[in-house]
Amino acid sequence: MRILVADDDELSADILIASLRSMSHEVVFAPNGGDAWRMLEQEPFRLVILDWVMPEMDGMEVCRNIRAMQSNSYTYIILLTGRTDRKDRLEALEGGADDFLTKPLDSGELIARLNVANR
């Protein structure tokens, strides 16, 4: 699967990208929310993994923009963050995210979330 990953934390992004590539996914990387949004305006992605806190546009803003976009295909969105409060999870889901992953990344949980996205 072709996946867009947007994360301004280089170490976190490297770990996520390596995990996705080890599962044979094609990964396109954006170092911030603005770049991610510009890429999404150019071409659709079936799955997008967005860090919540990023420069230019945060993950929630990119998520809301994706949901407002007119498209023939659905984009599955996973929000990635260090936030762990129930309130934050609810905000992410209400803002248009399909799923939520917390940092530091757990590879088993990532695999489970990707399986859900593939359904």
Protein backbone atom coordinates (compact mmCIF):
# COMPACT_ATOMS: atom_id res chain seq x y z
CA MET A 1 0.00 0.00 0.00
CA ARG A 2 1.16 3.55 -0.72
CA ILE A 3 1.19 5.57 2.52
CA LEU A 4 1.80 9.26 3.19
CA VAL A 5 3.60 9.89 6.49
CA ALA A 6 3.83 13.43 7.87
CA ASP A 7 5.94 14.00 10.99
CA ASP A 8 8.34 16.78 11.91
CA ASP A 9 10.16 14.61 14.47
CA GLU A 10 12.98 13.06 12.42
CA LEU A 11 13.67 10.13 14.75
CA SER A 12 9.99 9.25 15.11
CA ALA A 13 9.49 9.52 11.34
CA ASP A 14 12.52 7.31 10.61
CA ILE A 15 11.23 4.59 12.95
CA LEU A 16 7.74 4.70 11.45
CA ILE A 17 8.98 4.73 7.86
CA ALA A 18 11.38 1.84 8.49
CA SER A 19 8.57 -0.18 10.08
CA LEU A 20 6.23 0.48 7.16
CA ARG A 21 8.87 -0.34 4.56
CA SER A 22 9.76 -3.58 6.38
CA MET A 23 6.10 -4.54 5.83
CA SER A 24 6.55 -3.85 2.08
CA HIS A 25 4.60 -0.59 1.99
CA GLU A 26 5.61 2.27 -0.26
CA VAL A 27 6.09 5.38 1.88
CA VAL A 28 5.98 9.02 0.82
CA PHE A 29 7.29 11.40 3.48
CA ALA A 30 6.33 14.99 4.33
CA PRO A 31 8.33 16.81 7.04
CA ASN A 32 5.40 19.05 8.04
CA GLY A 33 1.65 19.47 7.67
CA GLY A 34 1.87 22.07 4.92
CA ASP A 35 3.91 19.78 2.68
CA ALA A 36 1.55 16.90 3.45
CA TRP A 37 -1.46 18.96 2.43
CA ARG A 38 0.19 20.10 -0.81
CA MET A 39 0.95 16.45 -1.66
CA LEU A 40 -2.64 15.45 -0.92
CA GLU A 41 -3.94 18.20 -3.19
CA GLN A 42 -1.86 16.71 -6.02
CA GLU A 43 -2.71 13.04 -5.57
CA PRO A 44 -4.87 10.85 -3.36
CA PHE A 45 -3.45 8.46 -0.78
CA ARG A 46 -5.41 5.53 0.57
CA LEU A 47 -3.72 5.85 3.98
CA VAL A 48 -2.24 8.91 5.70
CA ILE A 49 -0.41 8.88 9.03
CA LEU A 50 -0.19 12.36 10.52
CA ASP A 51 1.67 13.61 13.55
CA TRP A 52 -0.65 15.82 15.58
CA VAL A 53 1.84 18.62 16.32
CA MET A 54 3.71 19.90 13.26
CA PRO A 55 4.74 23.26 11.79
CA GLU A 56 2.74 25.03 9.06
CA MET A 57 -0.37 22.89 9.61
CA ASP A 58 -0.96 20.50 12.47
CA GLY A 59 -2.27 17.00 11.90
CA MET A 60 -5.81 17.92 12.93
CA GLU A 61 -5.93 20.74 10.38
CA VAL A 62 -4.68 18.43 7.62
CA CYS A 63 -7.24 15.86 8.74
CA ARG A 64 -10.11 18.38 8.57
CA ASN A 65 -8.93 19.52 5.12
CA ILE A 66 -8.90 15.94 3.85
CA ARG A 67 -12.45 15.40 5.11
CA ALA A 68 -13.62 18.64 3.46
CA MET A 69 -12.05 17.67 0.11
CA GLN A 70 -14.26 16.34 -2.68
CA SER A 71 -12.87 12.95 -3.65
CA ASN A 72 -13.99 9.70 -5.27
CA SER A 73 -11.83 7.66 -2.92
CA TYR A 74 -11.70 7.43 0.86
CA THR A 75 -8.54 8.39 2.75
CA TYR A 76 -8.00 6.45 5.96
CA ILE A 77 -6.32 8.72 8.51
CA ILE A 78 -4.26 7.64 11.51
CA LEU A 79 -3.26 10.43 13.89
CA LEU A 80 0.08 9.86 15.62
CA THR A 81 0.84 11.70 18.85
CA GLY A 82 2.33 11.67 22.30
CA ARG A 83 -1.04 12.77 23.70
CA THR A 84 -2.71 9.97 25.63
CA ASP A 85 -5.72 11.54 27.34
CA ARG A 86 -9.18 10.25 26.49
CA LYS A 87 -10.18 13.84 25.63
CA ASP A 88 -7.44 13.98 22.98
CA ARG A 89 -8.47 10.66 21.42
CA LEU A 90 -12.06 11.86 21.20
CA GLU A 91 -10.97 15.16 19.66
CA ALA A 92 -8.95 13.30 17.03
CA LEU A 93 -11.82 10.98 16.13
CA GLU A 94 -14.37 13.80 16.07
CA GLY A 95 -11.98 15.83 13.90
CA GLY A 96 -12.07 13.18 11.19
CA ALA A 97 -9.29 10.73 12.12
CA ASP A 98 -10.16 7.07 11.71
CA ASP A 99 -7.64 5.84 14.22
CA PHE A 100 -5.09 6.98 16.75
CA LEU A 101 -1.55 5.81 17.58
CA THR A 102 0.52 7.04 20.49
CA LYS A 103 4.25 7.70 20.61
CA PRO A 104 6.54 5.94 21.14
CA LEU A 105 5.37 3.73 18.33
CA ASP A 106 4.52 0.12 19.13
CA SER A 107 5.11 -2.01 16.01
CA GLY A 108 2.49 -4.58 17.02
CA GLU A 109 -0.11 -1.87 17.39
CA LEU A 110 0.95 -0.37 14.06
CA ILE A 111 0.42 -3.72 12.32
CA ALA A 112 -3.03 -4.05 13.91
CA ARG A 113 -4.02 -0.53 12.82
CA LEU A 114 -2.83 -1.17 9.25
CA ASN A 115 -4.92 -4.35 9.16
CA VAL A 116 -7.94 -2.29 10.19
CA ALA A 117 -7.16 0.27 7.47
CA ASN A 118 -7.02 -2.52 4.86
CA ARG A 119 -10.55 -3.71 5.61
